Amino acid sequence: MSPEQWQLTLETTSVEETEEVGEIMGRRLRGGEVIALEGGLGAGKTALIRGLARGLGIKDHEISSPTFVFLHEHHGRLPLAHLDLFRIGSPSDLPDLGIQDYLESPWVVAVEWAERAALYLPEDRLTIKISETQSHHHRRLVLQTSNPYYEAIFSELKVAFCALKN
């Protein structure tokens, strides 16, 4: 891995732990971040965003997958734009949907199915790849970025997950 890349792999064993990852991140964000989530159906992308919202001071019961409406806006300590690109016809449709307005703002932008918009997302985003492991609720989260800003969040996540596992 080049010095310009940071990566952290976490294993969660419940939906609550996956949400906890998001909550820790949400408490540290300052606005303008893009969180790109990748993973199959039921991988835990929305669960992670529920935690992220909680960390931003948003009632997590308001968070659901916006699959049929493409975008949900939420307001807390920072505004959150929750995008779901599952039903996007083609990446070339994205400019017409106004996604750029959110990406160039102080909003925290969380994008489910982000691989469908890779060319439109900023390079300094935080990408989180989520995959199922041993059982239904066990997940492997691989966090990757080229932005050193996320190093502090990675450190806090390492400490928190060491404490959870002990």
Protein backbone atom coordinates (compact mmCIF):
# COMPACT_ATOMS: atom_id res chain seq x y z
CA MET A 1 0.00 0.00 0.00
CA SER A 2 1.38 3.40 -0.95
CA PRO A 3 1.95 6.04 1.77
CA GLU A 4 -0.97 8.02 0.32
CA GLN A 5 -3.46 5.26 1.22
CA TRP A 6 -4.96 4.38 4.59
CA GLN A 7 -6.93 1.23 5.24
CA LEU A 8 -8.63 -0.29 8.27
CA THR A 9 -10.42 -3.64 8.42
CA LEU A 10 -12.98 -4.26 11.16
CA GLU A 11 -15.12 -7.31 11.89
CA THR A 12 -18.52 -6.69 13.45
CA THR A 13 -20.63 -9.46 14.95
CA SER A 14 -24.01 -7.73 15.13
CA VAL A 15 -26.08 -5.02 13.54
CA GLU A 16 -25.46 -2.95 16.69
CA GLU A 17 -21.68 -3.16 16.23
CA THR A 18 -22.00 -2.12 12.58
CA GLU A 19 -24.10 0.85 13.73
CA GLU A 20 -21.45 1.64 16.37
CA VAL A 21 -18.83 2.02 13.62
CA GLY A 22 -21.05 4.59 11.96
CA GLU A 23 -21.79 6.39 15.22
CA ILE A 24 -18.10 6.77 16.08
CA MET A 25 -17.47 8.17 12.62
CA GLY A 26 -20.46 10.51 12.80
CA ARG A 27 -19.28 12.07 16.06
CA ARG A 28 -15.94 13.02 14.42
CA LEU A 29 -17.18 14.40 11.10
CA ARG A 30 -17.07 18.16 10.48
CA GLY A 31 -19.03 18.46 7.21
CA GLY A 32 -18.18 18.05 3.56
CA GLU A 33 -17.22 14.36 3.85
CA VAL A 34 -18.28 11.76 1.32
CA ILE A 35 -18.77 8.22 2.65
CA ALA A 36 -19.00 5.73 -0.23
CA LEU A 37 -20.57 2.41 0.79
CA GLU A 38 -20.21 -0.74 -1.26
CA GLY A 39 -21.67 -4.17 -0.60
CA GLY A 40 -24.42 -6.50 -1.69
CA LEU A 41 -28.08 -6.45 -0.72
CA GLY A 42 -28.41 -6.79 3.04
CA ALA A 43 -24.69 -6.21 3.64
CA GLY A 44 -25.30 -3.58 6.33
CA LYS A 45 -24.90 -0.30 4.45
CA THR A 46 -28.09 1.21 5.87
CA ALA A 47 -27.22 -0.03 9.38
CA LEU A 48 -23.88 1.77 9.19
CA ILE A 49 -25.66 4.95 8.02
CA ARG A 50 -28.15 4.66 10.94
CA GLY A 51 -25.16 4.79 13.28
CA LEU A 52 -23.58 7.62 11.30
CA ALA A 53 -26.81 9.60 11.66
CA ARG A 54 -26.90 8.95 15.41
CA GLY A 55 -23.34 10.31 15.66
CA LEU A 56 -24.51 13.42 13.79
CA GLY A 57 -27.36 13.96 16.26
CA ILE A 58 -30.08 12.66 13.94
CA LYS A 59 -32.75 10.32 15.27
CA ASP A 60 -31.68 6.97 13.85
CA HIS A 61 -35.28 5.74 13.53
CA GLU A 62 -35.60 8.24 10.66
CA ILE A 63 -32.98 6.32 8.66
CA SER A 64 -34.19 3.82 6.12
CA SER A 65 -32.95 2.85 2.71
CA PRO A 66 -34.05 5.50 0.21
CA THR A 67 -34.08 2.91 -2.59
CA PHE A 68 -37.34 4.13 -4.10
CA VAL A 69 -36.75 7.89 -3.71
CA PHE A 70 -32.99 7.98 -4.38
CA LEU A 71 -32.25 10.54 -1.63
CA HIS A 72 -33.20 11.35 1.95
CA GLU A 73 -32.08 14.54 3.68
CA HIS A 74 -31.63 14.57 7.46
CA HIS A 75 -30.70 17.41 9.79
CA GLY A 76 -28.73 17.17 13.02
CA ARG A 77 -25.44 18.68 14.18
CA LEU A 78 -24.53 18.49 10.48
CA PRO A 79 -26.85 17.85 7.52
CA LEU A 80 -26.76 14.35 6.05
CA ALA A 81 -27.61 13.45 2.44
CA HIS A 82 -28.31 9.69 2.24
CA LEU A 83 -28.23 8.51 -1.37
CA ASP A 84 -29.06 5.04 -2.64
CA LEU A 85 -27.96 4.32 -6.21
CA PHE A 86 -29.33 0.76 -6.43
CA ARG A 87 -32.01 1.71 -8.97
CA ILE A 88 -29.95 4.20 -10.97
CA GLY A 89 -30.32 3.41 -14.66
CA SER A 90 -26.85 4.50 -15.71
CA PRO A 91 -24.03 6.50 -14.10
CA SER A 92 -24.60 9.08 -16.82
CA ASP A 93 -27.99 9.84 -15.14
CA LEU A 94 -26.26 11.17 -12.02
CA PRO A 95 -25.58 14.75 -13.17
CA ASP A 96 -29.30 15.20 -13.86
CA LEU A 97 -30.16 14.13 -10.29
CA GLY A 98 -28.30 17.02 -8.64
CA ILE A 99 -25.82 14.86 -6.75
CA GLN A 100 -23.05 17.39 -7.46
CA ASP A 101 -24.85 20.01 -5.35
CA TYR A 102 -24.41 17.82 -2.27
CA LEU A 103 -20.83 16.83 -3.11
CA GLU A 104 -19.79 20.50 -3.28
CA SER A 105 -21.42 21.49 0.02
CA PRO A 106 -20.85 21.19 3.76
CA TRP A 107 -23.26 18.21 3.86
CA VAL A 108 -22.08 14.80 4.96
CA VAL A 109 -22.91 12.61 1.97
CA ALA A 110 -23.41 8.87 2.47
CA VAL A 111 -23.79 6.95 -0.79
CA GLU A 112 -25.07 3.37 -0.92
CA TRP A 113 -24.04 1.42 -4.04
CA ALA A 114 -21.29 4.01 -4.53
CA GLU A 115 -19.47 1.83 -7.06
CA ARG A 116 -22.18 2.90 -9.52
CA ALA A 117 -21.02 6.53 -9.23
CA ALA A 118 -17.26 6.11 -8.81
CA LEU A 119 -16.45 8.60 -11.58
CA TYR A 120 -18.62 11.29 -9.98
CA LEU A 121 -17.41 10.99 -6.38
CA PRO A 122 -14.37 12.89 -5.10
CA GLU A 123 -11.11 10.94 -4.87
CA ASP A 124 -10.58 11.89 -1.22
CA ARG A 125 -13.76 10.09 -0.14
CA LEU A 126 -13.90 7.39 2.51
CA THR A 127 -14.87 4.09 0.86
CA ILE A 128 -16.31 1.35 3.07
CA LYS A 129 -16.67 -2.10 1.53
CA ILE A 130 -18.99 -4.31 3.58
CA SER A 131 -19.23 -8.06 3.16
CA GLU A 132 -20.88 -10.87 5.06
CA THR A 133 -18.56 -13.30 6.83
CA GLN A 134 -19.33 -16.32 9.02
CA SER A 135 -22.97 -15.76 9.86
CA HIS A 136 -25.93 -13.58 9.03
CA HIS A 137 -24.89 -10.64 11.28
CA HIS A 138 -21.09 -10.93 11.01
CA ARG A 139 -19.60 -8.33 8.70
CA ARG A 140 -16.16 -7.38 7.43
CA LEU A 141 -15.80 -3.64 6.90
CA VAL A 142 -12.81 -2.46 4.88
CA LEU A 143 -12.36 1.30 5.17
CA GLN A 144 -10.08 2.90 2.57
CA THR A 145 -9.09 6.48 1.82
CA SER A 146 -6.35 8.66 0.45
CA ASN A 147 -7.34 11.53 2.77
CA PRO A 148 -5.20 11.76 5.95
CA TYR A 149 -8.13 13.47 7.71
CA TYR A 150 -9.62 10.01 8.34
CA GLU A 151 -6.52 8.74 10.22
CA ALA A 152 -7.89 10.05 13.53
CA ILE A 153 -11.23 8.32 12.90
CA PHE A 154 -9.41 5.06 12.08
CA SER A 155 -7.45 5.35 15.34
CA GLU A 156 -10.61 5.91 17.37
CA LEU A 157 -12.31 2.95 15.69
CA LYS A 158 -9.32 0.69 16.47
CA VAL A 159 -9.44 1.67 20.15
CA ALA A 160 -13.23 1.29 20.37
CA PHE A 161 -13.23 -2.13 18.74
CA CYS A 162 -10.35 -3.41 20.87
CA ALA A 163 -12.43 -2.40 23.93
CA LEU A 164 -15.56 -4.10 22.54
CA LYS A 165 -13.75 -7.36 21.85
CA ASN A 166 -12.21 -7.52 25.37
